[in-house]
Amino acid sequence: MKSLKDTSAVVIGATSGIGLATVKRLVSEGASVVAVARGRDGLDALAAEFDGVVRTVQADATDASTAERLLREYEPQLVVLAAGARPPMGTLDELNWETFSIPWNADTQAAFRLLKAALTLPLAAGSAVAIVSSGAAVAGSPLSGGYAGAKRMQWLMAEYAQEVSDAKKLGIRFFAVLPRQLIEGTEIGITAAANYGATQGLSAAEFLKRRWKVPLDVDKVGAAIVGGLREDLADGVAAIGVTGEGVEALG
C-alpha cells in the first residue's frame, strides 16, 4: 500500500455520488485534486466546501478534446472517471434507439476518450486510472436499456487499456470498479430501486432491504476506488466488485 499524500488526481464526475465521495477521500489522504463536472453550480459548491483546496474545471467528459486537455494540463498521477448518464427506465419494447443508447453515448464514450488519451499522451509510469462501471455489467439490467452493455464495455476497455500499457511498457495501471448492488442515496439507485420494486409490488426501500442484507453507499465505493489507486490490488486484477459487505477481485 502506498501513500497518496502529495499525489495529483483528476476526478471526472466529481460533484455528486461516487465522484464526490472519491474526491473527499482523496483529499483526506493528502492528494491534490482537480474536480471535473459539467455543471458550474455543483463545482462552485464543491470549491466552497473545500475552501480552495480542490481546483475545479467545468467540462464535458464526452467532448473529443476534454480528456487530452485535462491530462496534458494537470499531469495527474491518479485519474477517476465517475461521470455517467442516468439511464431512462423501461422495458425493451418501451424504449427507442435514442433512449436505449444514451449510456453508450455518455458513459462508454467518456471512458473511451479518457483511456485513449491516457495511453497516447501517455500518462507517466506509475499512474493509475479507475473507471467506474456497474454490477449491471455482470448481471444485466433489463429496465435500463443499453446501460448494462455500456458498463460492460467500460470494463472491457479497462482490460484492453491494461494490455496496451503492458505491451508498450508504459507502467500505467488501469482498473474498473463495479458496484454490485444499487447504491443507496444516489439518483440512479433510488430510481432503479423504485422501478424494480414496482415490478414486485414493493417500495424502493422495501426492494433494497429484501434484495441486499448490507446496504452499499457511495463512501464504500469511494474507499474501494482509492484503495485501488493506492495499489491495494493484486497484480493482474483489472476489475473489482464492491458490495455492502466488501470488495472482491473480478476475473
C-alpha atoms as a PDB file:
ATOM      1  CA  MET A   1       0.000   0.000   0.000  1.00  0.00           C
ATOM      2  CA  LYS A   2       1.417   3.360  -0.982  1.00  0.00           C
ATOM      3  CA  SER A   3       0.685   6.791   0.425  1.00  0.00           C
ATOM      4  CA  LEU A   4      -1.328   9.195  -1.718  1.00  0.00           C
ATOM      5  CA  LYS A   5      -0.010  12.261   0.090  1.00  0.00           C
ATOM      6  CA  ASP A   6       1.074  14.966  -2.368  1.00  0.00           C
ATOM      7  CA  THR A   7      -0.064  12.955  -5.393  1.00  0.00           C
ATOM      8  CA  SER A   8      -2.061  14.724  -8.108  1.00  0.00           C
ATOM      9  CA  ALA A   9      -5.528  13.466  -9.042  1.00  0.00           C
ATOM     10  CA  VAL A  10      -8.256  14.276 -11.542  1.00  0.00           C
ATOM     11  CA  VAL A  11     -11.791  13.117 -10.740  1.00  0.00           C
ATOM     12  CA  ILE A  12     -14.323  13.375 -13.571  1.00  0.00           C
ATOM     13  CA  GLY A  13     -17.946  13.462 -12.468  1.00  0.00           C
ATOM     14  CA  ALA A  14     -16.854  14.924  -9.159  1.00  0.00           C
ATOM     15  CA  THR A  15     -19.830  16.861  -7.823  1.00  0.00           C
ATOM     16  CA  SER A  16     -22.173  14.079  -6.732  1.00  0.00           C
ATOM     17  CA  GLY A  17     -22.422  10.418  -5.801  1.00  0.00           C
ATOM     18  CA  ILE A  18     -19.351   8.243  -6.192  1.00  0.00           C
ATOM     19  CA  GLY A  19     -17.289  11.046  -7.688  1.00  0.00           C
ATOM     20  CA  LEU A  20     -17.867  13.365  -4.740  1.00  0.00           C
ATOM     21  CA  ALA A  21     -17.168  10.578  -2.240  1.00  0.00           C
ATOM     22  CA  THR A  22     -13.919   9.840  -4.059  1.00  0.00           C
ATOM     23  CA  VAL A  23     -12.862  13.493  -4.004  1.00  0.00           C
ATOM     24  CA  LYS A  24     -13.443  13.642  -0.249  1.00  0.00           C
ATOM     25  CA  ARG A  25     -11.424  10.516   0.397  1.00  0.00           C
ATOM     26  CA  LEU A  26      -8.548  11.613  -1.827  1.00  0.00           C
ATOM     27  CA  VAL A  27      -8.387  14.969  -0.074  1.00  0.00           C
ATOM     28  CA  SER A  28      -8.399  13.221   3.311  1.00  0.00           C
ATOM     29  CA  GLU A  29      -5.381  11.205   2.173  1.00  0.00           C
ATOM     30  CA  GLY A  30      -3.443  14.289   1.161  1.00  0.00           C
ATOM     31  CA  ALA A  31      -3.873  14.201  -2.607  1.00  0.00           C
ATOM     32  CA  SER A  32      -4.141  17.374  -4.690  1.00  0.00           C
ATOM     33  CA  VAL A  33      -7.452  17.068  -6.544  1.00  0.00           C
ATOM     34  CA  VAL A  34      -8.846  18.621  -9.716  1.00  0.00           C
ATOM     35  CA  ALA A  35     -12.618  18.110  -9.773  1.00  0.00           C
ATOM     36  CA  VAL A  36     -14.309  17.988 -13.182  1.00  0.00           C
ATOM     37  CA  ALA A  37     -18.025  18.160 -13.964  1.00  0.00           C
ATOM     38  CA  ARG A  38     -20.422  19.687 -16.475  1.00  0.00           C
ATOM     39  CA  GLY A  39     -22.412  21.814 -14.026  1.00  0.00           C
ATOM     40  CA  ARG A  40     -20.984  25.065 -12.699  1.00  0.00           C
ATOM     41  CA  ASP A  41     -23.228  25.182  -9.630  1.00  0.00           C
ATOM     42  CA  GLY A  42     -22.019  21.839  -8.357  1.00  0.00           C
ATOM     43  CA  LEU A  43     -18.403  22.795  -8.911  1.00  0.00           C
ATOM     44  CA  ASP A  44     -18.864  26.087  -7.052  1.00  0.00           C
ATOM     45  CA  ALA A  45     -20.420  24.232  -4.117  1.00  0.00           C
ATOM     46  CA  LEU A  46     -17.534  21.766  -4.102  1.00  0.00           C
ATOM     47  CA  ALA A  47     -14.940  24.529  -4.182  1.00  0.00           C
ATOM     48  CA  ALA A  48     -16.686  26.293  -1.305  1.00  0.00           C
ATOM     49  CA  GLU A  49     -16.876  23.089   0.737  1.00  0.00           C
ATOM     50  CA  PHE A  50     -13.138  22.534   0.437  1.00  0.00           C
ATOM     51  CA  ASP A  51     -12.272  26.240   0.688  1.00  0.00           C
ATOM     52  CA  GLY A  52      -9.949  26.323  -2.302  1.00  0.00           C
ATOM     53  CA  VAL A  53      -8.186  23.032  -1.589  1.00  0.00           C
ATOM     54  CA  VAL A  54      -9.868  21.417  -4.594  1.00  0.00           C
ATOM     55  CA  ARG A  55      -9.463  23.010  -8.019  1.00  0.00           C
ATOM     56  CA  THR A  56     -12.482  22.803 -10.329  1.00  0.00           C
ATOM     57  CA  VAL A  57     -12.896  22.535 -14.092  1.00  0.00           C
ATOM     58  CA  GLN A  58     -16.170  22.714 -15.990  1.00  0.00           C
ATOM     59  CA  ALA A  59     -16.056  20.264 -18.888  1.00  0.00           C
ATOM     60  CA  ASP A  60     -17.986  17.529 -20.672  1.00  0.00           C
ATOM     61  CA  ALA A  61     -16.218  14.157 -20.493  1.00  0.00           C
ATOM     62  CA  THR A  62     -17.673  13.100 -23.843  1.00  0.00           C
ATOM     63  CA  ASP A  63     -16.193  16.066 -25.691  1.00  0.00           C
ATOM     64  CA  ALA A  64     -13.397  14.978 -28.016  1.00  0.00           C
ATOM     65  CA  SER A  65     -10.855  17.376 -26.504  1.00  0.00           C
ATOM     66  CA  THR A  66     -11.638  17.114 -22.790  1.00  0.00           C
ATOM     67  CA  ALA A  67      -9.626  14.078 -21.707  1.00  0.00           C
ATOM     68  CA  GLU A  68      -6.420  15.021 -23.502  1.00  0.00           C
ATOM     69  CA  ARG A  69      -6.669  18.618 -22.307  1.00  0.00           C
ATOM     70  CA  LEU A  70      -7.111  17.577 -18.671  1.00  0.00           C
ATOM     71  CA  LEU A  71      -4.293  15.042 -18.699  1.00  0.00           C
ATOM     72  CA  ARG A  72      -1.916  17.335 -20.532  1.00  0.00           C
ATOM     73  CA  GLU A  73      -2.609  20.399 -18.392  1.00  0.00           C
ATOM     74  CA  TYR A  74      -2.721  18.812 -14.929  1.00  0.00           C
ATOM     75  CA  GLU A  75      -0.423  15.789 -15.445  1.00  0.00           C
ATOM     76  CA  PRO A  76      -2.280  13.677 -12.869  1.00  0.00           C
ATOM     77  CA  GLN A  77      -0.837  10.557 -11.306  1.00  0.00           C
ATOM     78  CA  LEU A  78      -4.335   9.346 -10.441  1.00  0.00           C
ATOM     79  CA  VAL A  79      -7.456   9.595 -12.622  1.00  0.00           C
ATOM     80  CA  VAL A  80     -11.008   8.550 -11.780  1.00  0.00           C
ATOM     81  CA  LEU A  81     -13.896   8.529 -14.246  1.00  0.00           C
ATOM     82  CA  ALA A  82     -17.127   8.528 -12.250  1.00  0.00           C
ATOM     83  CA  ALA A  83     -19.257  10.521 -14.702  1.00  0.00           C
ATOM     84  CA  GLY A  84     -22.229   8.904 -16.339  1.00  0.00           C
ATOM     85  CA  ALA A  85     -25.755   9.466 -17.588  1.00  0.00           C
ATOM     86  CA  ARG A  86     -28.830   8.386 -15.674  1.00  0.00           C
ATOM     87  CA  PRO A  87     -30.360   5.756 -17.981  1.00  0.00           C
ATOM     88  CA  PRO A  88     -34.034   6.064 -18.936  1.00  0.00           C
ATOM     89  CA  MET A  89     -36.030   3.303 -17.252  1.00  0.00           C
ATOM     90  CA  GLY A  90     -38.296   0.981 -19.190  1.00  0.00           C
ATOM     91  CA  THR A  91     -38.529  -2.449 -20.796  1.00  0.00           C
ATOM     92  CA  LEU A  92     -37.000  -3.017 -24.209  1.00  0.00           C
ATOM     93  CA  ASP A  93     -40.298  -2.525 -26.021  1.00  0.00           C
ATOM     94  CA  GLU A  94     -40.857   0.831 -24.287  1.00  0.00           C
ATOM     95  CA  LEU A  95     -37.581   2.422 -25.431  1.00  0.00           C
ATOM     96  CA  ASN A  96     -36.407   3.765 -28.765  1.00  0.00           C
ATOM     97  CA  TRP A  97     -32.843   3.741 -30.037  1.00  0.00           C
ATOM     98  CA  GLU A  98     -32.154   7.264 -28.797  1.00  0.00           C
ATOM     99  CA  THR A  99     -33.098   6.416 -25.211  1.00  0.00           C
ATOM    100  CA  PHE A 100     -31.586   2.932 -25.347  1.00  0.00           C
ATOM    101  CA  SER A 101     -28.192   4.249 -26.484  1.00  0.00           C
ATOM    102  CA  ILE A 102     -27.825   7.129 -24.005  1.00  0.00           C
ATOM    103  CA  PRO A 103     -25.400   5.190 -21.745  1.00  0.00           C
ATOM    104  CA  TRP A 104     -23.258   4.270 -24.750  1.00  0.00           C
ATOM    105  CA  ASN A 105     -23.020   7.873 -25.934  1.00  0.00           C
ATOM    106  CA  ALA A 106     -22.236   9.116 -22.429  1.00  0.00           C
ATOM    107  CA  ASP A 107     -20.573   6.511 -20.171  1.00  0.00           C
ATOM    108  CA  THR A 108     -18.840   4.416 -22.814  1.00  0.00           C
ATOM    109  CA  GLN A 109     -17.735   7.333 -24.944  1.00  0.00           C
ATOM    110  CA  ALA A 110     -16.257   9.163 -21.946  1.00  0.00           C
ATOM    111  CA  ALA A 111     -14.298   6.046 -20.946  1.00  0.00           C
ATOM    112  CA  PHE A 112     -13.027   5.523 -24.482  1.00  0.00           C
ATOM    113  CA  ARG A 113     -11.778   9.091 -24.776  1.00  0.00           C
ATOM    114  CA  LEU A 114     -10.091   9.021 -21.362  1.00  0.00           C
ATOM    115  CA  LEU A 115      -8.408   5.657 -21.829  1.00  0.00           C
ATOM    116  CA  LYS A 116      -7.137   6.560 -25.289  1.00  0.00           C
ATOM    117  CA  ALA A 117      -5.727   9.858 -24.033  1.00  0.00           C
ATOM    118  CA  ALA A 118      -4.011   8.143 -21.097  1.00  0.00           C
ATOM    119  CA  LEU A 119      -2.325   5.686 -23.473  1.00  0.00           C
ATOM    120  CA  THR A 120      -1.380   8.062 -26.268  1.00  0.00           C
ATOM    121  CA  LEU A 121      -0.014  11.013 -24.293  1.00  0.00           C
ATOM    122  CA  PRO A 122       0.854   8.869 -22.277  1.00  0.00           C
ATOM    123  CA  LEU A 123       0.437   9.324 -18.528  1.00  0.00           C
ATOM    124  CA  ALA A 124       3.636   8.932 -16.526  1.00  0.00           C
ATOM    125  CA  ALA A 125       4.769   5.489 -15.433  1.00  0.00           C
ATOM    126  CA  GLY A 126       3.272   4.645 -12.054  1.00  0.00           C
ATOM    127  CA  SER A 127      -0.007   6.406 -12.804  1.00  0.00           C
ATOM    128  CA  ALA A 128      -3.368   4.730 -12.182  1.00  0.00           C
ATOM    129  CA  VAL A 129      -6.736   5.126 -13.900  1.00  0.00           C
ATOM    130  CA  ALA A 130     -10.026   3.935 -12.371  1.00  0.00           C
ATOM    131  CA  ILE A 131     -13.190   3.593 -14.456  1.00  0.00           C
ATOM    132  CA  VAL A 132     -16.466   3.351 -12.533  1.00  0.00           C
ATOM    133  CA  SER A 133     -18.555   0.686 -14.231  1.00  0.00           C
ATOM    134  CA  SER A 134     -21.505  -1.195 -12.696  1.00  0.00           C
ATOM    135  CA  GLY A 135     -22.618  -4.581 -11.473  1.00  0.00           C
ATOM    136  CA  ALA A 136     -25.084  -4.445 -14.355  1.00  0.00           C
ATOM    137  CA  ALA A 137     -22.078  -5.390 -16.497  1.00  0.00           C
ATOM    138  CA  VAL A 138     -22.227  -8.793 -14.805  1.00  0.00           C
ATOM    139  CA  ALA A 139     -25.909  -9.420 -14.129  1.00  0.00           C
ATOM    140  CA  GLY A 140     -27.661  -7.266 -16.719  1.00  0.00           C
ATOM    141  CA  SER A 141     -30.297  -4.586 -16.126  1.00  0.00           C
ATOM    142  CA  PRO A 142     -33.472  -5.229 -18.132  1.00  0.00           C
ATOM    143  CA  LEU A 143     -35.164  -1.958 -17.161  1.00  0.00           C
ATOM    144  CA  SER A 144     -32.342   0.375 -18.198  1.00  0.00           C
ATOM    145  CA  GLY A 145     -31.905  -0.141 -21.922  1.00  0.00           C
ATOM    146  CA  GLY A 146     -28.292  -0.218 -23.097  1.00  0.00           C
ATOM    147  CA  TYR A 147     -26.861   0.540 -19.651  1.00  0.00           C
ATOM    148  CA  ALA A 148     -25.593  -2.974 -18.852  1.00  0.00           C
ATOM    149  CA  GLY A 149     -23.850  -3.314 -22.200  1.00  0.00           C
ATOM    150  CA  ALA A 150     -22.331   0.148 -21.937  1.00  0.00           C
ATOM    151  CA  LYS A 151     -20.952  -0.604 -18.474  1.00  0.00           C
ATOM    152  CA  ARG A 152     -19.632  -3.987 -19.625  1.00  0.00           C
ATOM    153  CA  MET A 153     -17.800  -2.210 -22.431  1.00  0.00           C
ATOM    154  CA  GLN A 154     -16.203   0.132 -19.894  1.00  0.00           C
ATOM    155  CA  TRP A 155     -14.914  -2.901 -18.008  1.00  0.00           C
ATOM    156  CA  LEU A 156     -13.596  -4.488 -21.188  1.00  0.00           C
ATOM    157  CA  MET A 157     -11.893  -1.253 -22.258  1.00  0.00           C
ATOM    158  CA  ALA A 158     -10.085  -1.043 -18.921  1.00  0.00           C
ATOM    159  CA  GLU A 159      -8.726  -4.530 -19.635  1.00  0.00           C
ATOM    160  CA  TYR A 160      -7.810  -3.554 -23.192  1.00  0.00           C
ATOM    161  CA  ALA A 161      -6.004  -0.454 -21.929  1.00  0.00           C
ATOM    162  CA  GLN A 162      -4.022  -2.539 -19.457  1.00  0.00           C
ATOM    163  CA  GLU A 163      -2.964  -4.867 -22.247  1.00  0.00           C
ATOM    164  CA  VAL A 164      -1.704  -1.902 -24.293  1.00  0.00           C
ATOM    165  CA  SER A 165       0.111  -0.452 -21.291  1.00  0.00           C
ATOM    166  CA  ASP A 166       1.804  -3.773 -20.600  1.00  0.00           C
ATOM    167  CA  ALA A 167       2.712  -4.355 -24.237  1.00  0.00           C
ATOM    168  CA  LYS A 168       4.245  -0.892 -24.573  1.00  0.00           C
ATOM    169  CA  LYS A 169       5.781  -0.988 -21.083  1.00  0.00           C
ATOM    170  CA  LEU A 170       4.048   2.271 -20.130  1.00  0.00           C
ATOM    171  CA  GLY A 171       3.749   1.336 -16.475  1.00  0.00           C
ATOM    172  CA  ILE A 172       0.158   2.633 -16.136  1.00  0.00           C
ATOM    173  CA  ARG A 173      -2.384   0.702 -14.036  1.00  0.00           C
ATOM    174  CA  PHE A 174      -5.959   0.549 -15.314  1.00  0.00           C
ATOM    175  CA  PHE A 175      -8.886  -0.976 -13.462  1.00  0.00           C
ATOM    176  CA  ALA A 176     -12.688  -0.940 -13.454  1.00  0.00           C
ATOM    177  CA  VAL A 177     -14.815  -0.612 -10.329  1.00  0.00           C
ATOM    178  CA  LEU A 178     -18.181  -2.380 -10.346  1.00  0.00           C
ATOM    179  CA  PRO A 179     -20.678  -1.617  -7.565  1.00  0.00           C
ATOM    180  CA  ARG A 180     -22.518  -4.968  -7.415  1.00  0.00           C
ATOM    181  CA  GLN A 181     -25.722  -3.616  -5.862  1.00  0.00           C
ATOM    182  CA  LEU A 182     -27.804  -0.465  -6.095  1.00  0.00           C
ATOM    183  CA  ILE A 183     -26.166   2.391  -4.227  1.00  0.00           C
ATOM    184  CA  GLU A 184     -28.484   3.881  -1.653  1.00  0.00           C
ATOM    185  CA  GLY A 185     -28.959   7.638  -1.678  1.00  0.00           C
ATOM    186  CA  THR A 186     -27.977   8.207  -5.314  1.00  0.00           C
ATOM    187  CA  GLU A 187     -30.375   9.322  -8.053  1.00  0.00           C
ATOM    188  CA  ILE A 188     -29.692   6.223 -10.140  1.00  0.00           C
ATOM    189  CA  GLY A 189     -30.052   3.925  -7.140  1.00  0.00           C
ATOM    190  CA  ILE A 190     -33.318   5.482  -5.980  1.00  0.00           C
ATOM    191  CA  THR A 191     -34.836   5.470  -9.475  1.00  0.00           C
ATOM    192  CA  ALA A 192     -33.775   1.889 -10.211  1.00  0.00           C
ATOM    193  CA  ALA A 193     -34.990   0.624  -6.830  1.00  0.00           C
ATOM    194  CA  ALA A 194     -38.368   2.292  -7.367  1.00  0.00           C
ATOM    195  CA  ASN A 195     -38.779   0.757 -10.833  1.00  0.00           C
ATOM    196  CA  TYR A 196     -37.578  -2.736  -9.965  1.00  0.00           C
ATOM    197  CA  GLY A 197     -39.549  -2.647  -6.722  1.00  0.00           C
ATOM    198  CA  ALA A 198     -42.702  -1.717  -8.601  1.00  0.00           C
ATOM    199  CA  THR A 199     -42.462  -4.925 -10.651  1.00  0.00           C
ATOM    200  CA  GLN A 200     -42.729  -6.836  -7.365  1.00  0.00           C
ATOM    201  CA  GLY A 201     -45.264  -4.594  -5.680  1.00  0.00           C
ATOM    202  CA  LEU A 202     -42.601  -3.171  -3.354  1.00  0.00           C
ATOM    203  CA  SER A 203     -41.488   0.319  -2.478  1.00  0.00           C
ATOM    204  CA  ALA A 204     -37.896   1.312  -3.275  1.00  0.00           C
ATOM    205  CA  ALA A 205     -36.921   0.936   0.390  1.00  0.00           C
ATOM    206  CA  GLU A 206     -38.566  -2.481   0.676  1.00  0.00           C
ATOM    207  CA  PHE A 207     -36.880  -3.684  -2.518  1.00  0.00           C
ATOM    208  CA  LEU A 208     -33.428  -2.659  -1.317  1.00  0.00           C
ATOM    209  CA  LYS A 209     -33.924  -4.227   2.103  1.00  0.00           C
ATOM    210  CA  ARG A 210     -35.094  -7.559   0.687  1.00  0.00           C
ATOM    211  CA  ARG A 211     -32.518  -7.691  -2.096  1.00  0.00           C
ATOM    212  CA  TRP A 212     -29.361  -6.988  -0.067  1.00  0.00           C
ATOM    213  CA  LYS A 213     -28.598  -7.639   3.592  1.00  0.00           C
ATOM    214  CA  VAL A 214     -25.928  -4.940   3.887  1.00  0.00           C
ATOM    215  CA  PRO A 215     -26.524  -1.574   2.165  1.00  0.00           C
ATOM    216  CA  LEU A 216     -23.988  -0.094  -0.246  1.00  0.00           C
ATOM    217  CA  ASP A 217     -23.299   3.635  -0.154  1.00  0.00           C
ATOM    218  CA  VAL A 218     -21.019   5.978  -2.056  1.00  0.00           C
ATOM    219  CA  ASP A 219     -18.474   6.104   0.753  1.00  0.00           C
ATOM    220  CA  LYS A 220     -17.820   2.374   0.455  1.00  0.00           C
ATOM    221  CA  VAL A 221     -17.385   2.669  -3.295  1.00  0.00           C
ATOM    222  CA  GLY A 222     -15.111   5.694  -2.917  1.00  0.00           C
ATOM    223  CA  ALA A 223     -12.999   3.765  -0.415  1.00  0.00           C
ATOM    224  CA  ALA A 224     -12.667   0.875  -2.877  1.00  0.00           C
ATOM    225  CA  ILE A 225     -11.602   3.230  -5.665  1.00  0.00           C
ATOM    226  CA  VAL A 226      -8.966   4.898  -3.520  1.00  0.00           C
ATOM    227  CA  GLY A 227      -7.777   1.503  -2.341  1.00  0.00           C
ATOM    228  CA  GLY A 228      -7.149   0.555  -5.952  1.00  0.00           C
ATOM    229  CA  LEU A 229      -5.329   3.834  -6.560  1.00  0.00           C
ATOM    230  CA  ARG A 230      -3.149   3.046  -3.533  1.00  0.00           C
ATOM    231  CA  GLU A 231      -2.174  -0.202  -5.261  1.00  0.00           C
ATOM    232  CA  ASP A 232      -4.104  -2.443  -2.866  1.00  0.00           C
ATOM    233  CA  LEU A 233      -4.985  -4.630  -5.878  1.00  0.00           C
ATOM    234  CA  ALA A 234      -3.066  -7.796  -6.641  1.00  0.00           C
ATOM    235  CA  ASP A 235      -1.116  -7.943  -9.892  1.00  0.00           C
ATOM    236  CA  GLY A 236      -3.288  -8.863 -12.838  1.00  0.00           C
ATOM    237  CA  VAL A 237      -6.544  -7.635 -11.300  1.00  0.00           C
ATOM    238  CA  ALA A 238      -8.265  -5.344 -13.794  1.00  0.00           C
ATOM    239  CA  ALA A 239     -11.653  -5.093 -12.083  1.00  0.00           C
ATOM    240  CA  ILE A 240     -13.104  -5.123  -8.587  1.00  0.00           C
ATOM    241  CA  GLY A 241     -16.649  -5.661  -7.413  1.00  0.00           C
ATOM    242  CA  VAL A 242     -17.950  -3.673  -4.457  1.00  0.00           C
ATOM    243  CA  THR A 243     -20.875  -4.664  -2.216  1.00  0.00           C
ATOM    244  CA  GLY A 244     -22.048  -3.545   1.180  1.00  0.00           C
ATOM    245  CA  GLU A 245     -20.001  -6.381   2.623  1.00  0.00           C
ATOM    246  CA  GLY A 246     -16.683  -5.627   0.953  1.00  0.00           C
ATOM    247  CA  VAL A 247     -14.511  -5.748  -2.157  1.00  0.00           C
ATOM    248  CA  GLU A 248     -13.668  -8.686  -4.405  1.00  0.00           C
ATOM    249  CA  ALA A 249     -11.434  -9.152  -7.426  1.00  0.00           C
ATOM    250  CA  LEU A 250     -13.301  -9.939 -10.650  1.00  0.00           C
ATOM    251  CA  GLY A 251     -11.941 -12.169 -13.373  1.00  0.00           C
END
